[in-house]
Each structure stands twice: as structure tokens, then as C-alpha cells.
Protein backbone atom coordinates (compact mmCIF):
# COMPACT_ATOMS: atom_id res chain seq x y z
CA MET A 1 120.16 135.32 130.77
CA THR A 2 119.96 131.66 129.84
CA ASP A 3 116.58 131.32 131.54
CA ARG A 4 115.18 134.22 129.51
CA ARG A 5 116.44 132.69 126.22
CA ASP A 6 115.03 129.30 127.20
CA SER A 7 111.69 130.90 128.01
CA VAL A 8 111.59 132.69 124.64
CA ALA A 9 112.59 129.49 122.83
CA GLN A 10 109.90 127.57 124.71
CA THR A 11 107.28 130.16 123.79
CA GLU A 12 108.36 130.04 120.15
CA ARG A 13 108.16 126.23 120.15
CA ILE A 14 104.67 126.32 121.62
CA ASP A 15 103.51 128.91 119.07
CA SER A 16 105.07 126.91 116.24
CA MET A 17 103.46 123.66 117.38
CA LEU A 18 100.06 125.34 117.77
CA GLY A 19 100.39 126.74 114.25
CA GLN A 20 101.24 123.28 112.94
CA MET A 21 98.25 121.82 114.78
CA ARG A 22 95.89 124.44 113.30
CA MET A 23 97.22 123.64 109.83
CA LEU A 24 96.73 119.89 110.39
CA CYS A 25 93.18 120.44 111.66
CA ALA A 26 92.37 122.48 108.56
CA GLN A 27 93.86 119.79 106.28
CA ILE A 28 91.96 117.00 108.03
CA ASP A 29 88.76 119.04 107.76
CA GLU A 30 89.37 119.57 104.01
CA ILE A 31 89.92 115.84 103.56
CA GLY A 32 86.63 115.21 105.37
CA GLN A 33 84.84 117.56 103.00
CA GLU A 34 86.38 115.75 100.02
CA GLN A 35 85.25 112.45 101.53
CA GLN A 36 81.72 113.83 101.74
CA ARG A 37 81.76 114.84 98.06
CA LEU A 38 83.03 111.38 97.05
CA LEU A 39 80.42 109.67 99.19
CA GLU A 40 77.63 111.75 97.67
CA ALA A 41 78.97 110.90 94.19
CA ASP A 42 78.89 107.18 95.15
CA ARG A 43 82.63 106.82 94.59
CA LEU A 44 83.33 104.50 97.51
CA GLU A 45 86.75 103.30 96.37
CA ASP A 46 87.98 106.88 96.11
CA PHE A 47 86.33 107.63 99.46
CA VAL A 48 88.35 104.87 101.13
CA ALA A 49 91.59 106.03 99.50
CA VAL A 50 91.06 109.60 100.68
CA LEU A 51 90.06 108.36 104.12
CA SER A 52 93.34 106.49 104.53
CA SER A 53 95.34 109.50 103.31
CA ARG A 54 94.44 111.46 106.41
CA ASN A 55 95.84 108.93 108.91
CA PRO A 56 99.39 110.37 108.89
CA LYS A 57 97.95 113.84 109.52
CA ILE A 58 95.91 112.56 112.45
CA GLU A 59 99.01 110.89 113.90
CA SER A 60 101.02 114.11 113.48
CA LEU A 61 98.24 116.09 115.16
CA ALA A 62 98.23 113.72 118.14
CA GLN A 63 102.03 113.91 118.46
CA ALA A 64 101.99 117.70 118.26
CA GLY A 65 99.28 117.83 120.93
CA THR A 66 101.38 115.68 123.23
CA LEU A 67 104.41 117.92 122.67
CA VAL A 68 102.43 121.10 123.34
CA GLU A 69 101.02 119.64 126.55
CA GLY A 70 104.58 118.78 127.63
CA PHE A 71 105.81 122.28 126.82
CA LEU A 72 102.94 123.87 128.74
CA GLU A 73 103.82 121.88 131.85
CA CYS A 74 107.45 123.03 131.83
CA ASP A 75 108.75 125.75 134.08
CA GLY A 76 109.31 129.09 132.47
CA VAL A 77 106.07 129.24 130.48
CA GLY A 78 104.05 132.28 131.43
CA VAL A 79 100.46 132.13 132.60
CA ASP A 80 99.35 134.22 129.62
CA GLN A 81 101.07 131.82 127.24
CA VAL A 82 99.40 128.82 128.88
CA GLN A 83 95.97 130.48 128.79
CA SER A 84 96.39 131.46 125.14
CA ALA A 85 97.52 127.96 124.23
CA ARG A 86 94.60 126.41 126.10
CA ARG A 87 92.13 128.65 124.24
CA GLN A 88 93.65 127.65 120.93
CA LEU A 89 93.57 123.97 121.90
CA ASP A 90 89.90 124.34 122.84
CA GLU A 91 89.14 125.89 119.44
CA MET A 92 90.92 123.02 117.69
CA ALA A 93 89.01 120.54 119.83
CA GLU A 94 85.76 122.03 118.48
CA VAL A 95 87.02 121.54 114.91
CA VAL A 96 87.98 117.96 115.69
CA SER A 97 84.56 117.40 117.27
CA GLY A 98 82.91 118.54 114.04
CA ILE A 99 85.16 116.21 112.06
CA LEU A 100 84.22 113.29 114.30
CA LYS A 101 80.53 114.08 113.91
CA ARG A 102 80.85 114.13 110.12
CA ASP A 103 82.85 110.87 110.26
CA ALA A 104 80.05 109.21 112.22
CA GLU A 105 77.46 110.36 109.68
CA GLN A 106 79.64 109.14 106.81
CA GLN A 107 80.10 105.79 108.51
CA VAL A 108 76.33 105.31 108.66
CA VAL A 109 76.07 105.97 104.91
CA VAL A 110 78.97 103.63 104.11
CA GLU A 111 77.47 100.87 106.24
CA LYS A 112 74.09 101.25 104.49
CA ARG A 113 75.75 101.02 101.10
CA ARG A 114 77.79 98.02 102.22
CA ASP A 115 74.63 96.26 103.40
CA GLU A 116 72.84 97.06 100.13
CA LEU A 117 75.77 95.69 98.13
CA SER A 118 75.84 92.59 100.30
CA ARG A 119 72.13 91.99 99.67
CA GLN A 120 72.62 92.50 95.94
CA LEU A 121 75.51 90.06 95.83
CA SER A 122 73.53 87.56 97.86
CA GLY A 123 70.67 87.94 95.37
CA VAL A 124 73.03 87.25 92.47
CA GLY A 125 74.26 84.08 94.17
CA ASN A 126 70.70 82.92 94.82
CA SER A 127 69.73 83.64 91.21
CA GLN A 128 72.63 81.59 89.93
CA LYS A 129 71.65 78.69 92.18
CA ALA A 130 68.06 78.88 90.96
CA VAL A 131 69.13 78.87 87.31
CA ARG A 132 71.31 75.80 87.91
CA ALA A 133 68.50 74.04 89.74
CA TYR A 134 65.90 74.68 87.04
CA SER A 135 68.24 73.88 84.17
CA GLY A 136 69.16 70.51 85.55
CA GLY A 137 72.53 71.64 86.73
CA GLY A 138 74.13 71.33 83.30
CA GLN A 139 73.96 67.51 83.22
CA ARG A 140 74.93 65.78 80.03
CA SER A 141 72.89 63.05 78.47
CA ASN A 142 73.84 59.47 79.27
CA PRO A 143 76.29 58.19 76.59
CA THR A 144 75.09 54.63 77.06
CA LEU A 145 71.63 55.53 75.78
CA GLN A 146 73.10 57.34 72.79
CA ASP A 147 74.88 54.16 71.70
CA ARG A 148 71.66 52.17 71.79
CA GLU A 149 69.85 54.71 69.67
CA GLY A 150 72.35 54.67 66.85
């Protein structure tokens, strides 16, 4: 009797964890879509804030995956349950793969914008140096000569 209850509890835990993982994948995917909108709107600060908001979800997803793998390796889990769980994990892996692909594309855009901003800031610094050089660097007239004139 106890073994049957343990097996049912184990199956329920696996199903619950898989459901939680699907929900986390969907949330991470939604965050990625929001990141894309922010990036296209050139709102980099908001992009970074949204990007960091997904880290706890990614950590939870990894922990849940580890737990599910542990549950699947336990005795008392049926072959059908293991196969079903593996199929679901494979589907989630495809979602995660799409998220990683989008992340790589977004990283390229962010790096381009960072480089452009760096060049612009470098140009501002060079312009300021040129203005100082051509204006004499803001030197004041010699006070000794002013005394002789007066």
C-alpha cells in the first residue's frame, strides 16, 4: 500500500514540476519578447532592467529541471510517466533553444549600439580637446604686461 501511495505522490510531483517548468518557459519567452520590443524602441536601459528580471525565473527553471531528473531516476516511476516527462522536457528544450537564439541576436544588436555610443563619446572627447587646443586652452593674459600698459 505504501509503495502505491509513494508512486502516486511521485507521479503528482513530477507532473507538478513539469507544469511549473512549462509556466517558467512561457514567462521567460514573454520577457524575451518584451526585451525585443524595448530593443527595437531603442530603450536600452529598460531592456537591461527587463533582462535582469528574468534571472530568478531561469534559476527556478534550472532547479525544477534538476528535481524532475531526480524524480525520474527514482524507483516506482512508470515507463509511461518517464517517456511522457521526457517528451515534455524535449518540447521545453525547443522553447529554450528559441529563447537562446533570440538572446544571441539581441546581444549582437546591443553590442553594435554600445560600439556606436562608444564612438560617439570618443568623438565628443576629441572635439573638446580640439576646441581647447585651438582656443589656447583658456589661458589668461599675463598680469605683468597689464601693469606696464596702465
